[in-house]
Amino acid sequence: MLTMKDKRWFTQQVRPLLDSLYRIAYTILQNDADAQDAAQEAVEQAYMSLPKLKDRDKFRPWLMRILKNKCYMILREKKRYVPLDDVQEQGTEPFDALDLKEAFSRLSPESRLCITLYHIEGYSISEIAAFLNEPVGTVKSRLSRARKVMRQDLTDQEVSYAK
């Protein structure tokens, strides 16, 4: 059972993170409604599980890990269903132009998450590693590969425009 003091502390911790939670969820899910749902469910689960958190100094990475797990759960559920609209659209039109948003969306969810956490949210590589529960080297590799892939996609776009 949470005391009033715990509830206030939780609110003070979560409130400044709400926008960040949404942006991170959107980075993984690429869907507004799903990102809102994931962020809300993560906050709800964190609230219910707060008594299990042993070190309150690690609240932020703990909450982010909950969010990441919620997002991947939503992705797993979505893979089970293929909307009819998506089936009809596949292969009908080649990529005409590849802008930054499209280059970003073509990255794997893990790479998009690393790029968002590092470049947009301002997390350090060690914080990202803790959040993802992976070695620092893995995070550095993902960032490097993601930048390289995006650079190549955008370079290819420039070349196609020049022709």
C-alpha atoms as a PDB file:
ATOM      1  CA  MET A   1       0.000   0.000   0.000  1.00  0.00           C
ATOM      2  CA  LEU A   2       1.365   3.391  -0.971  1.00  0.00           C
ATOM      3  CA  THR A   3       1.350   6.237   1.491  1.00  0.00           C
ATOM      4  CA  MET A   4       0.397   9.793   0.563  1.00  0.00           C
ATOM      5  CA  LYS A   5       4.098  10.686   0.703  1.00  0.00           C
ATOM      6  CA  ASP A   6       4.869   7.897  -1.821  1.00  0.00           C
ATOM      7  CA  LYS A   7       2.113   9.113  -4.125  1.00  0.00           C
ATOM      8  CA  ARG A   8       3.434  12.674  -4.060  1.00  0.00           C
ATOM      9  CA  TRP A   9       6.988  11.482  -4.670  1.00  0.00           C
ATOM     10  CA  PHE A  10       5.828   9.351  -7.612  1.00  0.00           C
ATOM     11  CA  THR A  11       3.927  12.271  -9.148  1.00  0.00           C
ATOM     12  CA  GLN A  12       6.950  14.565  -8.773  1.00  0.00           C
ATOM     13  CA  GLN A  13       9.142  12.003 -10.522  1.00  0.00           C
ATOM     14  CA  VAL A  14       6.757  11.122 -13.362  1.00  0.00           C
ATOM     15  CA  ARG A  15       5.399  14.534 -14.322  1.00  0.00           C
ATOM     16  CA  PRO A  16       8.635  15.878 -15.926  1.00  0.00           C
ATOM     17  CA  LEU A  17       9.117  12.583 -17.788  1.00  0.00           C
ATOM     18  CA  LEU A  18       5.716  12.392 -19.514  1.00  0.00           C
ATOM     19  CA  ASP A  19       6.786  14.039 -22.795  1.00  0.00           C
ATOM     20  CA  SER A  20       9.944  11.965 -22.877  1.00  0.00           C
ATOM     21  CA  LEU A  21       7.967   8.756 -22.276  1.00  0.00           C
ATOM     22  CA  TYR A  22       5.699   9.566 -25.211  1.00  0.00           C
ATOM     23  CA  ARG A  23       8.597  10.414 -27.549  1.00  0.00           C
ATOM     24  CA  ILE A  24      10.444   7.233 -26.675  1.00  0.00           C
ATOM     25  CA  ALA A  25       7.317   5.121 -27.135  1.00  0.00           C
ATOM     26  CA  TYR A  26       6.608   6.816 -30.463  1.00  0.00           C
ATOM     27  CA  THR A  27      10.161   6.123 -31.576  1.00  0.00           C
ATOM     28  CA  ILE A  28       9.643   2.425 -31.034  1.00  0.00           C
ATOM     29  CA  LEU A  29       6.023   2.087 -32.126  1.00  0.00           C
ATOM     30  CA  GLN A  30       5.740   4.741 -34.878  1.00  0.00           C
ATOM     31  CA  ASN A  31       2.070   5.225 -34.011  1.00  0.00           C
ATOM     32  CA  ASP A  32       0.554   8.033 -31.950  1.00  0.00           C
ATOM     33  CA  ALA A  33      -2.226   6.051 -30.281  1.00  0.00           C
ATOM     34  CA  ASP A  34       0.023   3.114 -29.450  1.00  0.00           C
ATOM     35  CA  ALA A  35       2.684   5.445 -28.037  1.00  0.00           C
ATOM     36  CA  GLN A  36       0.124   7.132 -25.783  1.00  0.00           C
ATOM     37  CA  ASP A  37      -1.165   3.759 -24.628  1.00  0.00           C
ATOM     38  CA  ALA A  38       2.328   2.441 -23.915  1.00  0.00           C
ATOM     39  CA  ALA A  39       3.302   5.537 -21.950  1.00  0.00           C
ATOM     40  CA  GLN A  40       0.104   5.429 -19.907  1.00  0.00           C
ATOM     41  CA  GLU A  41       0.434   1.698 -19.225  1.00  0.00           C
ATOM     42  CA  ALA A  42       4.088   2.113 -18.207  1.00  0.00           C
ATOM     43  CA  VAL A  43       3.211   4.835 -15.707  1.00  0.00           C
ATOM     44  CA  GLU A  44       0.361   2.738 -14.346  1.00  0.00           C
ATOM     45  CA  GLN A  45       2.564  -0.337 -13.969  1.00  0.00           C
ATOM     46  CA  ALA A  46       5.327   1.712 -12.331  1.00  0.00           C
ATOM     47  CA  TYR A  47       2.829   3.129  -9.858  1.00  0.00           C
ATOM     48  CA  MET A  48       1.514  -0.320  -8.972  1.00  0.00           C
ATOM     49  CA  SER A  49       5.055  -1.712  -8.687  1.00  0.00           C
ATOM     50  CA  LEU A  50       6.582   1.203  -6.783  1.00  0.00           C
ATOM     51  CA  PRO A  51       6.877  -0.787  -3.524  1.00  0.00           C
ATOM     52  CA  LYS A  52       9.140  -3.243  -5.407  1.00  0.00           C
ATOM     53  CA  LEU A  53      11.609  -0.500  -6.369  1.00  0.00           C
ATOM     54  CA  LYS A  54      14.506  -0.831  -3.937  1.00  0.00           C
ATOM     55  CA  ASP A  55      16.626   2.155  -5.000  1.00  0.00           C
ATOM     56  CA  ARG A  56      14.540   5.240  -5.732  1.00  0.00           C
ATOM     57  CA  ASP A  57      17.600   6.952  -7.238  1.00  0.00           C
ATOM     58  CA  LYS A  58      17.185   4.550 -10.163  1.00  0.00           C
ATOM     59  CA  PHE A  59      13.537   5.429 -10.759  1.00  0.00           C
ATOM     60  CA  ARG A  60      14.059   6.968 -14.209  1.00  0.00           C
ATOM     61  CA  PRO A  61      15.883   4.001 -15.815  1.00  0.00           C
ATOM     62  CA  TRP A  62      13.455   1.639 -14.080  1.00  0.00           C
ATOM     63  CA  LEU A  63      10.463   3.476 -15.557  1.00  0.00           C
ATOM     64  CA  MET A  64      12.090   3.596 -18.986  1.00  0.00           C
ATOM     65  CA  ARG A  65      12.687  -0.158 -18.880  1.00  0.00           C
ATOM     66  CA  ILE A  66       9.013  -0.688 -18.055  1.00  0.00           C
ATOM     67  CA  LEU A  67       8.108   1.546 -21.010  1.00  0.00           C
ATOM     68  CA  LYS A  68      10.423  -0.333 -23.361  1.00  0.00           C
ATOM     69  CA  ASN A  69       8.886  -3.655 -22.327  1.00  0.00           C
ATOM     70  CA  LYS A  70       5.368  -2.282 -22.879  1.00  0.00           C
ATOM     71  CA  CYS A  71       6.335  -1.047 -26.338  1.00  0.00           C
ATOM     72  CA  TYR A  72       7.828  -4.369 -27.386  1.00  0.00           C
ATOM     73  CA  MET A  73       4.762  -6.164 -26.046  1.00  0.00           C
ATOM     74  CA  ILE A  74       2.573  -3.957 -28.260  1.00  0.00           C
ATOM     75  CA  LEU A  75       4.837  -4.662 -31.263  1.00  0.00           C
ATOM     76  CA  ARG A  76       4.609  -8.420 -30.651  1.00  0.00           C
ATOM     77  CA  GLU A  77       0.823  -8.199 -30.484  1.00  0.00           C
ATOM     78  CA  LYS A  78       0.680  -6.148 -33.703  1.00  0.00           C
ATOM     79  CA  LYS A  79       2.784  -8.702 -35.611  1.00  0.00           C
ATOM     80  CA  ARG A  80      -0.027 -11.184 -35.185  1.00  0.00           C
ATOM     81  CA  TYR A  81      -2.327  -9.032 -37.312  1.00  0.00           C
ATOM     82  CA  VAL A  82      -1.763  -7.709 -40.822  1.00  0.00           C
ATOM     83  CA  PRO A  83      -4.266  -5.007 -41.836  1.00  0.00           C
ATOM     84  CA  LEU A  84      -5.819  -5.546 -45.248  1.00  0.00           C
ATOM     85  CA  ASP A  85      -4.808  -2.006 -46.305  1.00  0.00           C
ATOM     86  CA  ASP A  86      -1.138  -2.847 -45.731  1.00  0.00           C
ATOM     87  CA  VAL A  87      -1.364  -5.995 -47.837  1.00  0.00           C
ATOM     88  CA  GLN A  88      -2.893  -4.097 -50.742  1.00  0.00           C
ATOM     89  CA  GLU A  89      -0.328  -1.285 -50.601  1.00  0.00           C
ATOM     90  CA  GLN A  90       2.776  -3.483 -50.556  1.00  0.00           C
ATOM     91  CA  GLY A  91       4.785  -3.222 -53.712  1.00  0.00           C
ATOM     92  CA  THR A  92       2.459  -0.799 -55.472  1.00  0.00           C
ATOM     93  CA  GLU A  93       4.830   2.167 -55.440  1.00  0.00           C
ATOM     94  CA  PRO A  94       8.602   2.290 -55.109  1.00  0.00           C
ATOM     95  CA  PHE A  95      10.215   4.850 -52.804  1.00  0.00           C
ATOM     96  CA  ASP A  96      10.229   8.070 -54.785  1.00  0.00           C
ATOM     97  CA  ALA A  97      11.990  10.242 -52.239  1.00  0.00           C
ATOM     98  CA  LEU A  98      13.603   9.342 -48.983  1.00  0.00           C
ATOM     99  CA  ASP A  99      13.604  12.112 -46.418  1.00  0.00           C
ATOM    100  CA  LEU A 100      15.048  12.135 -42.932  1.00  0.00           C
ATOM    101  CA  LYS A 101      11.855  10.862 -41.314  1.00  0.00           C
ATOM    102  CA  GLU A 102      11.635   7.941 -43.721  1.00  0.00           C
ATOM    103  CA  ALA A 103      15.322   7.134 -43.280  1.00  0.00           C
ATOM    104  CA  PHE A 104      14.769   7.154 -39.521  1.00  0.00           C
ATOM    105  CA  SER A 105      11.676   4.959 -39.742  1.00  0.00           C
ATOM    106  CA  ARG A 106      13.574   2.363 -41.789  1.00  0.00           C
ATOM    107  CA  LEU A 107      15.942   1.720 -38.891  1.00  0.00           C
ATOM    108  CA  SER A 108      15.269  -1.173 -36.541  1.00  0.00           C
ATOM    109  CA  PRO A 109      13.237  -0.279 -33.443  1.00  0.00           C
ATOM    110  CA  GLU A 110      16.354  -0.779 -31.302  1.00  0.00           C
ATOM    111  CA  SER A 111      18.393   1.609 -33.443  1.00  0.00           C
ATOM    112  CA  ARG A 112      15.613   4.213 -33.505  1.00  0.00           C
ATOM    113  CA  LEU A 113      15.415   3.996 -29.741  1.00  0.00           C
ATOM    114  CA  CYS A 114      19.173   4.509 -29.316  1.00  0.00           C
ATOM    115  CA  ILE A 115      19.169   7.500 -31.684  1.00  0.00           C
ATOM    116  CA  THR A 116      16.175   9.068 -29.903  1.00  0.00           C
ATOM    117  CA  LEU A 117      17.543   8.538 -26.423  1.00  0.00           C
ATOM    118  CA  TYR A 118      20.978   9.895 -27.296  1.00  0.00           C
ATOM    119  CA  HIS A 119      20.316  12.721 -29.750  1.00  0.00           C
ATOM    120  CA  ILE A 120      16.830  13.883 -28.799  1.00  0.00           C
ATOM    121  CA  GLU A 121      16.398  13.022 -25.116  1.00  0.00           C
ATOM    122  CA  GLY A 122      20.035  13.690 -24.185  1.00  0.00           C
ATOM    123  CA  TYR A 123      20.742  10.462 -22.345  1.00  0.00           C
ATOM    124  CA  SER A 124      24.387   9.413 -21.992  1.00  0.00           C
ATOM    125  CA  ILE A 125      25.557   6.161 -23.546  1.00  0.00           C
ATOM    126  CA  SER A 126      25.906   4.579 -20.091  1.00  0.00           C
ATOM    127  CA  GLU A 127      22.332   5.642 -19.193  1.00  0.00           C
ATOM    128  CA  ILE A 128      21.051   4.136 -22.438  1.00  0.00           C
ATOM    129  CA  ALA A 129      22.965   0.927 -21.726  1.00  0.00           C
ATOM    130  CA  ALA A 130      21.367   0.731 -18.267  1.00  0.00           C
ATOM    131  CA  PHE A 131      17.928   1.476 -19.714  1.00  0.00           C
ATOM    132  CA  LEU A 132      18.267  -1.209 -22.399  1.00  0.00           C
ATOM    133  CA  ASN A 133      20.039  -3.591 -20.022  1.00  0.00           C
ATOM    134  CA  GLU A 134      22.820  -4.058 -22.579  1.00  0.00           C
ATOM    135  CA  PRO A 135      26.584  -3.441 -22.631  1.00  0.00           C
ATOM    136  CA  VAL A 136      27.874   0.054 -23.417  1.00  0.00           C
ATOM    137  CA  GLY A 137      29.634  -1.343 -26.497  1.00  0.00           C
ATOM    138  CA  THR A 138      26.344  -2.588 -27.931  1.00  0.00           C
ATOM    139  CA  VAL A 139      24.787   0.857 -27.568  1.00  0.00           C
ATOM    140  CA  LYS A 140      27.800   2.503 -29.225  1.00  0.00           C
ATOM    141  CA  SER A 141      27.631  -0.007 -32.093  1.00  0.00           C
ATOM    142  CA  ARG A 142      23.906   0.580 -32.615  1.00  0.00           C
ATOM    143  CA  LEU A 143      24.389   4.334 -32.672  1.00  0.00           C
ATOM    144  CA  SER A 144      27.269   4.060 -35.110  1.00  0.00           C
ATOM    145  CA  ARG A 145      25.460   1.650 -37.446  1.00  0.00           C
ATOM    146  CA  ALA A 146      22.238   3.671 -37.329  1.00  0.00           C
ATOM    147  CA  ARG A 147      24.076   6.869 -38.248  1.00  0.00           C
ATOM    148  CA  LYS A 148      25.875   5.077 -41.064  1.00  0.00           C
ATOM    149  CA  VAL A 149      22.642   3.611 -42.478  1.00  0.00           C
ATOM    150  CA  MET A 150      20.857   6.970 -42.318  1.00  0.00           C
ATOM    151  CA  ARG A 151      23.839   8.759 -43.869  1.00  0.00           C
ATOM    152  CA  GLN A 152      23.877   6.229 -46.725  1.00  0.00           C
ATOM    153  CA  ASP A 153      20.105   6.501 -47.287  1.00  0.00           C
ATOM    154  CA  LEU A 154      20.268  10.291 -47.382  1.00  0.00           C
ATOM    155  CA  THR A 155      23.324  10.247 -49.663  1.00  0.00           C
ATOM    156  CA  ASP A 156      21.511   7.886 -52.035  1.00  0.00           C
ATOM    157  CA  GLN A 157      18.586  10.306 -52.018  1.00  0.00           C
ATOM    158  CA  GLU A 158      20.846  13.203 -53.005  1.00  0.00           C
ATOM    159  CA  VAL A 159      22.379  11.166 -55.814  1.00  0.00           C
ATOM    160  CA  SER A 160      18.960  10.242 -57.165  1.00  0.00           C
ATOM    161  CA  TYR A 161      17.891  13.893 -57.141  1.00  0.00           C
ATOM    162  CA  ALA A 162      21.057  14.927 -58.966  1.00  0.00           C
ATOM    163  CA  LYS A 163      20.336  12.585 -61.889  1.00  0.00           C
END
